[in-house]
Protein backbone atom coordinates (compact mmCIF):
# COMPACT_ATOMS: atom_id res chain seq x y z
CA MET A 1 -2.35 69.56 60.45
CA ALA A 2 -2.18 72.29 57.80
CA ASP A 3 1.61 72.48 57.77
CA GLU A 4 2.48 68.95 58.86
CA ARG A 5 4.08 66.67 56.31
CA ILE A 6 4.88 63.00 55.80
CA ILE A 7 8.38 62.13 54.63
CA ALA A 8 8.82 58.92 52.64
CA THR A 9 12.21 57.57 51.57
CA TYR A 10 12.51 55.30 48.55
CA LEU A 11 15.22 53.27 46.87
CA ILE A 12 14.71 53.62 43.12
CA GLU A 13 16.26 52.27 39.95
CA THR A 14 15.59 53.97 36.62
CA ALA A 15 17.03 54.59 33.16
CA PHE A 16 15.64 58.13 33.23
CA PRO A 17 17.35 61.17 34.79
CA LEU A 18 17.00 60.82 38.55
CA GLU A 19 15.49 64.24 39.14
CA TYR A 20 12.88 63.63 36.45
CA ALA A 21 12.03 60.21 37.89
CA ALA A 22 11.61 61.70 41.35
CA GLU A 23 9.22 64.34 40.01
CA VAL A 24 7.20 61.60 38.29
CA MET A 25 6.83 59.88 41.66
CA ALA A 26 5.75 63.08 43.40
CA GLY A 27 3.21 63.91 40.72
CA GLU A 28 1.73 60.42 40.50
CA GLN A 29 1.08 60.28 44.24
CA SER A 30 -0.39 63.76 44.61
CA THR A 31 -1.73 66.27 42.08
CA GLY A 32 -0.25 65.14 38.76
CA THR A 33 -1.13 62.78 35.97
CA PHE A 34 0.31 62.05 32.51
CA VAL A 35 -1.10 65.31 31.08
CA ALA A 36 -2.16 68.68 32.48
CA VAL A 37 -5.87 68.79 33.38
CA PRO A 38 -8.26 71.69 34.03
CA GLY A 39 -8.16 72.87 37.62
CA GLU A 40 -4.52 71.94 38.15
CA THR A 41 -3.60 75.45 39.19
CA PRO A 42 -0.30 76.57 40.71
CA GLU A 43 -2.18 77.27 43.94
CA LEU A 44 -3.58 73.73 44.04
CA GLN A 45 -0.16 72.25 43.29
CA GLU A 46 1.45 74.33 46.02
CA LYS A 47 -1.11 73.26 48.61
CA HIS A 48 -1.55 69.60 47.69
CA GLY A 49 1.46 68.55 45.64
CA ALA A 50 4.18 66.25 46.90
CA ARG A 51 7.68 67.70 46.92
CA VAL A 52 11.02 66.15 46.09
CA ILE A 53 13.28 67.11 48.97
CA GLU A 54 16.33 64.93 48.35
CA VAL A 55 17.88 62.74 45.65
CA ASN A 56 21.07 60.90 46.56
CA GLU A 57 22.58 58.98 43.67
CA LEU A 58 23.99 55.53 44.36
CA GLU A 59 25.44 52.93 41.99
CA ALA A 60 24.48 52.20 38.39
CA VAL A 61 23.81 48.79 36.81
CA ALA A 62 23.63 47.59 33.22
CA GLN A 63 20.51 45.42 33.54
CA PRO A 64 17.11 46.32 35.00
CA THR A 65 16.03 44.55 38.17
CA LEU A 66 12.34 44.42 37.21
CA PRO A 67 10.79 43.68 33.80
CA GLU A 68 8.65 45.97 31.60
CA ALA A 69 10.53 49.16 32.49
CA SER A 70 10.71 51.90 29.84
CA ILE A 71 13.84 53.64 28.64
CA PRO A 72 14.16 57.23 27.38
CA LYS A 73 13.52 57.75 23.67
CA GLY A 74 16.63 57.56 21.54
CA VAL A 75 18.69 55.72 24.16
CA GLN A 76 20.24 52.54 22.74
CA LYS A 77 22.24 51.32 25.74
CA PRO A 78 20.46 52.44 28.88
CA VAL A 79 22.19 52.71 32.24
CA TYR A 80 20.00 52.02 35.22
CA ARG A 81 20.85 54.38 38.06
CA ARG A 82 19.89 53.83 41.65
CA ALA A 83 19.19 56.52 44.20
CA LEU A 84 17.61 57.26 47.55
CA VAL A 85 14.74 59.68 47.03
CA LYS A 86 12.87 61.56 49.76
CA LEU A 87 9.39 62.86 49.04
CA SER A 88 7.35 65.13 51.28
CA PHE A 89 3.54 64.82 51.29
CA PRO A 90 1.09 67.20 52.99
CA LEU A 91 -0.74 65.47 55.81
CA HIS A 92 -3.97 67.30 54.96
CA ASN A 93 -4.18 65.33 51.67
CA ILE A 94 -5.20 62.20 53.57
CA GLY A 95 -5.81 63.17 57.17
CA LEU A 96 -5.02 60.73 59.97
CA SER A 97 -5.77 57.54 58.07
CA LEU A 98 -3.49 54.51 57.88
CA PRO A 99 -5.25 52.98 54.83
CA ASN A 100 -4.94 56.24 52.92
CA LEU A 101 -1.38 56.76 54.10
CA LEU A 102 -0.56 53.43 52.49
CA ALA A 103 -2.33 54.46 49.27
CA MET A 104 -0.27 57.64 49.16
CA VAL A 105 3.23 56.41 49.97
CA ALA A 106 2.95 52.92 48.45
CA GLY A 107 0.25 53.14 45.82
CA ASN A 108 0.61 53.17 42.04
CA LEU A 109 4.31 53.97 42.29
CA TYR A 110 5.22 50.31 41.90
CA GLU A 111 3.56 50.17 38.48
CA LEU A 112 5.21 53.22 36.88
CA ARG A 113 7.06 52.24 33.73
CA GLU A 114 9.87 54.70 34.39
CA PHE A 115 11.14 52.47 37.18
CA SER A 116 12.97 49.15 37.05
CA GLY A 117 13.09 49.16 40.84
CA LEU A 118 11.21 50.97 43.61
CA ARG A 119 11.13 50.23 47.32
CA LEU A 120 9.75 52.14 50.31
CA VAL A 121 12.59 52.11 52.84
CA ASP A 122 11.47 54.50 55.58
CA LEU A 123 8.71 56.78 56.82
CA ASP A 124 8.88 59.86 59.02
CA LEU A 125 5.36 60.46 60.30
CA PRO A 126 3.93 63.49 62.12
CA ALA A 127 3.19 62.96 65.80
CA ALA A 128 -0.44 63.79 65.00
CA PHE A 129 -0.87 60.15 63.91
CA ALA A 130 -0.41 59.05 67.51
CA ARG A 131 -3.56 60.96 68.48
CA LYS A 132 -5.75 58.66 66.39
CA TYR A 133 -3.57 55.54 66.50
CA PRO A 134 -2.20 55.14 70.03
CA GLY A 135 -0.03 52.19 69.02
CA PRO A 136 0.78 49.23 71.28
CA GLN A 137 -1.44 48.92 74.33
CA TYR A 138 0.81 46.47 76.18
CA GLY A 139 4.10 46.44 74.32
CA ILE A 140 7.15 45.11 76.11
CA ALA A 141 6.35 46.15 79.68
CA GLY A 142 2.73 44.99 79.58
CA THR A 143 3.65 41.67 78.02
CA ARG A 144 6.29 41.05 80.66
CA ALA A 145 3.81 41.87 83.42
CA LEU A 146 1.18 39.45 82.10
CA ALA A 147 3.71 36.68 81.52
CA ASP A 148 5.57 37.46 84.75
CA VAL A 149 8.91 37.21 82.97
CA HIS A 150 11.49 39.89 83.68
CA ASP A 151 15.14 40.54 82.80
CA ARG A 152 15.32 37.81 80.15
CA PRO A 153 13.57 36.91 76.89
CA LEU A 154 10.25 35.11 76.92
CA ILE A 155 10.91 31.55 75.79
CA GLY A 156 8.19 30.13 73.62
CA THR A 157 7.14 27.67 70.96
CA ILE A 158 4.57 27.09 68.23
CA VAL A 159 1.99 24.32 68.23
CA LYS A 160 3.12 21.66 65.77
CA PRO A 161 1.86 20.08 63.57
CA SER A 162 0.71 23.49 62.39
CA ILE A 163 -2.70 22.20 61.34
CA GLY A 164 -4.54 18.93 61.76
CA LEU A 165 -4.49 18.31 65.50
CA ARG A 166 -7.87 17.52 67.03
CA THR A 167 -9.10 19.53 69.98
CA ASP A 168 -8.39 16.70 72.43
CA GLU A 169 -4.83 16.43 71.10
CA TYR A 170 -4.10 19.99 72.22
CA ARG A 171 -4.58 19.06 75.86
CA PRO A 172 -1.55 16.79 76.42
CA LEU A 173 0.69 19.04 74.29
CA VAL A 174 -0.21 22.22 76.19
CA ARG A 175 -0.05 20.39 79.53
CA MET A 176 3.42 19.07 78.72
CA LEU A 177 4.69 22.52 77.65
CA ALA A 178 3.17 24.29 80.66
CA GLU A 179 4.73 21.78 83.02
CA ALA A 180 8.05 22.28 81.20
CA GLY A 181 8.03 25.89 82.39
CA ILE A 182 7.55 27.53 79.00
CA ASP A 183 6.56 31.21 78.96
CA PHE A 184 4.71 31.51 75.68
CA ILE A 185 2.88 29.30 73.15
CA LYS A 186 1.24 30.38 69.92
CA ASP A 187 -1.04 28.96 67.30
CA ASP A 188 0.51 28.58 63.89
CA GLU A 189 -0.85 31.13 61.41
CA LEU A 190 -2.35 28.25 59.41
CA CYS A 191 -4.62 27.30 62.28
CA ALA A 192 -7.53 29.67 62.87
CA ASP A 193 -10.88 27.87 62.97
CA PRO A 194 -10.44 24.43 61.35
CA GLU A 195 -13.05 21.70 61.49
CA CYS A 196 -10.63 19.43 63.35
CA ALA A 197 -10.20 21.95 66.19
CA PRO A 198 -12.95 24.59 66.12
CA PHE A 199 -11.83 27.86 67.64
CA GLU A 200 -14.14 27.99 70.66
CA GLN A 201 -13.48 24.36 71.58
CA ARG A 202 -9.74 24.84 71.16
CA VAL A 203 -9.69 27.90 73.42
CA LYS A 204 -11.63 26.02 76.10
CA ALA A 205 -9.32 23.00 76.01
CA VAL A 206 -6.09 25.03 75.96
CA MET A 207 -7.11 27.42 78.74
CA GLU A 208 -8.31 24.63 80.99
CA GLU A 209 -4.86 23.07 80.76
CA ILE A 210 -3.06 26.37 81.23
CA ASN A 211 -5.18 27.32 84.24
CA ARG A 212 -4.71 23.90 85.86
CA ALA A 213 -0.96 24.16 85.39
CA ALA A 214 -1.00 27.69 86.82
CA ASP A 215 -2.84 26.45 89.91
CA ARG A 216 -0.11 23.85 90.45
CA THR A 217 2.96 25.89 89.55
CA GLY A 218 1.96 29.52 90.06
CA LYS A 219 3.01 30.30 86.47
CA LYS A 220 0.42 31.13 83.80
CA VAL A 221 1.60 30.50 80.25
CA MET A 222 0.78 33.20 77.70
CA TYR A 223 -0.94 31.60 74.69
CA ALA A 224 -1.50 33.59 71.49
CA PHE A 225 -4.74 32.33 69.94
CA ASN A 226 -5.06 32.98 66.21
CA ILE A 227 -8.25 35.04 65.81
CA THR A 228 -7.57 36.00 62.17
CA GLY A 229 -10.78 36.18 60.16
CA ASP A 230 -13.28 38.60 58.69
CA ILE A 231 -13.64 41.90 60.52
CA ASP A 232 -16.90 40.90 62.21
CA GLU A 233 -15.20 37.77 63.61
CA LEU A 234 -12.39 39.58 65.42
CA LYS A 235 -14.35 40.85 68.41
CA ARG A 236 -16.28 37.60 68.87
CA LYS A 237 -13.09 35.57 68.95
CA HIS A 238 -11.27 38.12 71.12
CA ASP A 239 -14.11 37.98 73.64
CA ILE A 240 -14.02 34.18 73.72
CA VAL A 241 -10.31 34.27 74.64
CA LEU A 242 -10.85 37.01 77.22
CA ALA A 243 -13.74 35.17 78.88
CA ALA A 244 -11.66 31.97 79.10
CA GLY A 245 -8.88 33.81 80.95
CA GLY A 246 -6.52 34.02 77.99
CA THR A 247 -3.81 36.65 77.88
CA CYS A 248 -3.02 37.11 74.16
CA VAL A 249 -4.58 37.07 70.70
CA MET A 250 -2.81 36.75 67.36
CA VAL A 251 -3.68 38.14 63.94
CA SER A 252 -2.11 37.81 60.51
CA ILE A 253 -1.50 41.50 59.82
CA ASN A 254 -1.42 41.33 56.05
CA SER A 255 -4.57 39.18 55.90
CA ILE A 256 -6.81 41.53 57.89
CA GLY A 257 -5.02 44.72 56.87
CA LEU A 258 -3.88 47.71 58.89
CA ALA A 259 -7.47 48.92 59.30
CA GLY A 260 -8.41 45.50 60.67
CA VAL A 261 -5.59 45.63 63.22
CA ALA A 262 -6.55 49.18 64.23
CA HIS A 263 -10.19 48.07 64.58
CA LEU A 264 -9.12 45.25 66.92
CA ARG A 265 -6.87 47.59 68.89
CA ARG A 266 -9.78 49.91 69.71
CA TYR A 267 -11.53 47.32 71.87
CA SER A 268 -8.87 44.73 72.65
CA GLN A 269 -8.21 44.01 76.30
CA LEU A 270 -5.36 41.67 75.44
CA PRO A 271 -1.93 42.00 73.80
CA ILE A 272 -2.05 41.68 70.02
CA HIS A 273 0.55 39.28 68.60
CA GLY A 274 1.25 40.44 65.05
CA HIS A 275 2.24 37.77 62.52
CA ARG A 276 3.68 39.07 59.26
CA ASN A 277 3.01 36.05 57.00
CA GLN A 278 3.04 37.08 53.31
CA TRP A 279 5.88 39.43 54.19
CA GLY A 280 8.27 37.69 51.81
CA ALA A 281 6.16 38.77 48.83
CA MET A 282 6.50 42.37 50.00
CA THR A 283 10.23 42.43 50.64
CA ARG A 284 12.26 39.59 49.15
CA CYS A 285 13.19 41.48 45.98
CA PRO A 286 15.64 44.16 47.17
CA LEU A 287 14.35 46.66 44.59
CA LEU A 288 10.64 46.21 45.21
CA GLY A 289 8.11 46.50 48.01
CA PHE A 290 8.96 47.57 51.54
CA SER A 291 11.79 47.55 53.99
CA PHE A 292 10.92 46.28 57.45
CA THR A 293 11.89 49.67 58.87
CA ALA A 294 8.90 51.25 57.13
CA TYR A 295 6.57 48.29 57.53
CA GLN A 296 6.95 47.95 61.28
CA LYS A 297 6.08 51.62 61.79
CA LEU A 298 2.72 51.03 60.11
CA CYS A 299 2.11 47.87 62.15
CA ARG A 300 3.07 49.64 65.34
CA LEU A 301 0.69 52.52 64.67
CA ALA A 302 -2.09 50.04 63.94
CA GLY A 303 -1.57 48.66 67.43
CA VAL A 304 0.33 45.37 67.53
CA ASP A 305 2.19 44.58 70.75
CA HIS A 306 4.42 41.82 69.32
CA LEU A 307 5.82 41.61 65.79
CA HIS A 308 7.60 38.78 63.99
CA THR A 309 11.11 39.53 62.73
CA ASN A 310 12.54 36.10 61.81
CA GLY A 311 15.50 34.79 63.79
CA LEU A 312 19.21 34.78 63.08
CA ASN A 313 20.49 31.78 61.11
CA SER A 314 16.92 30.82 60.24
CA LYS A 315 15.48 28.73 57.41
CA PHE A 316 14.22 31.82 55.60
CA ALA A 317 15.91 33.88 52.89
CA GLU A 318 16.98 36.82 55.02
CA SER A 319 20.44 37.85 56.13
CA ASN A 320 21.39 38.04 59.79
CA GLU A 321 22.11 41.75 59.30
CA SER A 322 18.53 42.29 58.10
CA VAL A 323 17.05 40.31 60.99
CA ALA A 324 19.12 42.20 63.55
CA GLN A 325 18.05 45.53 62.05
CA SER A 326 14.41 44.42 62.20
CA ILE A 327 14.78 43.65 65.91
CA ARG A 328 16.40 47.02 66.51
CA ASP A 329 13.61 48.74 64.56
CA CYS A 330 10.98 47.21 66.87
CA LEU A 331 12.91 48.42 69.91
CA THR A 332 13.30 52.00 68.61
CA PRO A 333 10.55 54.36 69.86
CA MET A 334 8.54 56.44 67.40
CA PHE A 335 6.36 58.67 69.56
CA GLY A 336 7.59 57.96 73.06
CA ASN A 337 7.07 54.64 74.82
CA ASP A 338 5.65 52.74 71.84
CA THR A 339 8.15 49.96 71.21
CA VAL A 340 6.93 46.48 70.27
CA MET A 341 8.21 43.10 71.40
CA PRO A 342 10.19 41.44 68.57
CA VAL A 343 9.33 37.78 67.98
CA LEU A 344 12.18 35.57 66.76
CA SER A 345 11.49 32.19 65.21
CA SER A 346 12.53 29.65 62.57
CA ALA A 347 15.26 27.05 63.19
CA GLN A 348 16.03 28.51 66.62
CA TRP A 349 17.62 26.61 69.50
CA ALA A 350 19.61 27.34 72.65
CA ALA A 351 22.81 28.56 70.99
CA SER A 352 20.84 30.96 68.76
CA ALA A 353 20.95 33.29 71.75
CA ILE A 354 24.67 33.94 71.25
CA PRO A 355 24.65 35.68 67.83
CA THR A 356 21.30 37.30 68.64
CA TYR A 357 22.53 39.02 71.78
CA GLN A 358 25.82 39.96 70.15
CA ALA A 359 23.88 41.66 67.36
CA VAL A 360 21.15 43.50 69.31
CA GLN A 361 22.35 43.69 72.93
CA SER A 362 18.81 43.30 74.26
CA VAL A 363 16.71 40.67 76.01
CA ASP A 364 13.43 42.40 75.19
CA LEU A 365 12.14 39.77 72.82
CA ILE A 366 10.14 36.57 72.50
CA HIS A 367 12.37 33.71 71.36
CA LEU A 368 10.38 30.89 69.78
CA ALA A 369 11.82 27.45 69.17
CA GLY A 370 9.83 24.54 67.80
CA GLY A 371 12.23 21.67 67.26
CA GLY A 372 14.80 23.37 69.49
CA ILE A 373 12.48 22.69 72.43
CA LEU A 374 10.21 19.81 71.39
CA ALA A 375 13.02 17.74 69.83
CA HIS A 376 15.50 18.17 72.69
CA PRO A 377 16.85 14.65 73.42
CA ASP A 378 15.77 14.90 77.05
CA GLY A 379 12.32 16.26 76.36
CA PRO A 380 10.62 19.68 76.26
CA LYS A 381 11.45 20.64 79.85
CA ALA A 382 15.14 20.25 79.12
CA GLY A 383 14.58 22.09 75.84
CA VAL A 384 13.07 25.09 77.64
CA THR A 385 15.87 25.04 80.21
CA SER A 386 18.52 24.87 77.51
CA MET A 387 17.05 27.97 75.83
CA ARG A 388 17.30 29.91 79.09
CA GLN A 389 20.85 28.65 79.61
CA GLY A 390 21.79 29.79 76.12
CA TRP A 391 20.64 33.29 77.00
CA GLU A 392 22.46 33.21 80.34
CA ALA A 393 25.66 32.40 78.49
CA ALA A 394 25.01 35.11 75.90
CA VAL A 395 24.26 37.90 78.38
CA ASN A 396 27.24 37.02 80.57
CA GLY A 397 29.63 36.75 77.62
CA ILE A 398 30.50 33.13 78.34
CA PRO A 399 31.26 30.85 75.38
CA VAL A 400 28.32 28.50 75.00
CA GLU A 401 30.48 25.36 75.07
CA GLN A 402 32.09 26.52 78.30
CA TYR A 403 28.72 27.25 79.91
CA ALA A 404 27.49 23.85 78.79
CA GLU A 405 30.19 22.14 80.87
CA GLN A 406 28.12 22.91 83.98
CA HIS A 407 24.66 22.75 82.39
CA TRP A 408 23.74 19.38 80.92
CA GLU A 409 20.55 20.56 79.21
CA LEU A 410 22.59 23.00 77.14
CA ALA A 411 25.28 20.40 76.51
CA HIS A 412 22.75 17.92 75.17
CA ALA A 413 21.18 20.64 72.99
CA ILE A 414 24.59 21.35 71.46
CA ALA A 415 25.12 17.65 70.81
CA LYS A 416 21.72 17.41 69.13
CA PHE A 417 21.52 20.67 67.17
CA GLY A 418 25.04 22.01 67.04
CA LYS A 419 26.08 20.33 63.83
CA ARG A 420 22.99 21.30 61.82
């Protein structure tokens, strides 16, 4: 650990000289402060200080992206320069600790007045982290084995309405979806333990329907139960799902924190479905927060098996290029076989498979469709079938309209959703 280092890459915007700004970042997040202090010896700085290892200047702009940024004294018309900056931090400053890693690479930097923009865009972490944080327990292969779905995406949906259904109203919905041949169902992140459908009662009702359907069809639907809550609730809720025969639990990563996810991972006997709600606040400004490339590495280390990425052509404010890169990030190993299953959702339907496969050339994903399945004109079973047909067309390079000529479920999906 003595010589191992963490490399963090940032996109910055500043009116100050780039090299100076980079040194401010390095000092703030290691040994420095605004004035020299007793004990700040050259030996201490050498051992514990962060280092600037690269500054690559990009474009300049006339107006600052973020408010309250300072400008150098005497400058009347500041120019705000952007750059990619790489900092190197000694691992021994924090040890193998995800919470303290976050404090170091994404701490007070965002508040420094020298910057009108600052974004963590990537992390290069020592392999030593994998000794303490083994990452996904199930990942893609384990999820496929539990769901018994191979060589194609898992097709899934979200319980809607998101919140407000009574426990007894879950039964016919889950029964209908299981009989439709769906692979995966999840709670909405808004539904954890509401009075209208208390968690333990909801698990019992849902799993009874799933197990009955499995007895009839031989196919057991994977259901991601939302166990998000205080740390002491996680194990109790996990154990309720496990005892009922469930095969997946879901947590809101940003609500319970990386330490909460890692805590769950240590004892979980089920895949962990990671929902990234609140992510927009962390990323939507292009000169603030995190890139998904960096974020998913932290989530993966913490131990999620599935991770939300948005879907192409979705209702959210994210470009298709960004979504595709997020999917590729999840499928790129860090420390060996530690990929996570990307989860695509939001305004998805059968033909969404075409641009998705063209962009990522992979079927290792969970493709969620709410209205695209439930609002199919011929019912949910036809909706599920149309989603599979969309992927068949995509993988085989057949235009979706041509494939629909021989597959009525897909044809009716196009008629219903194709003009949206």
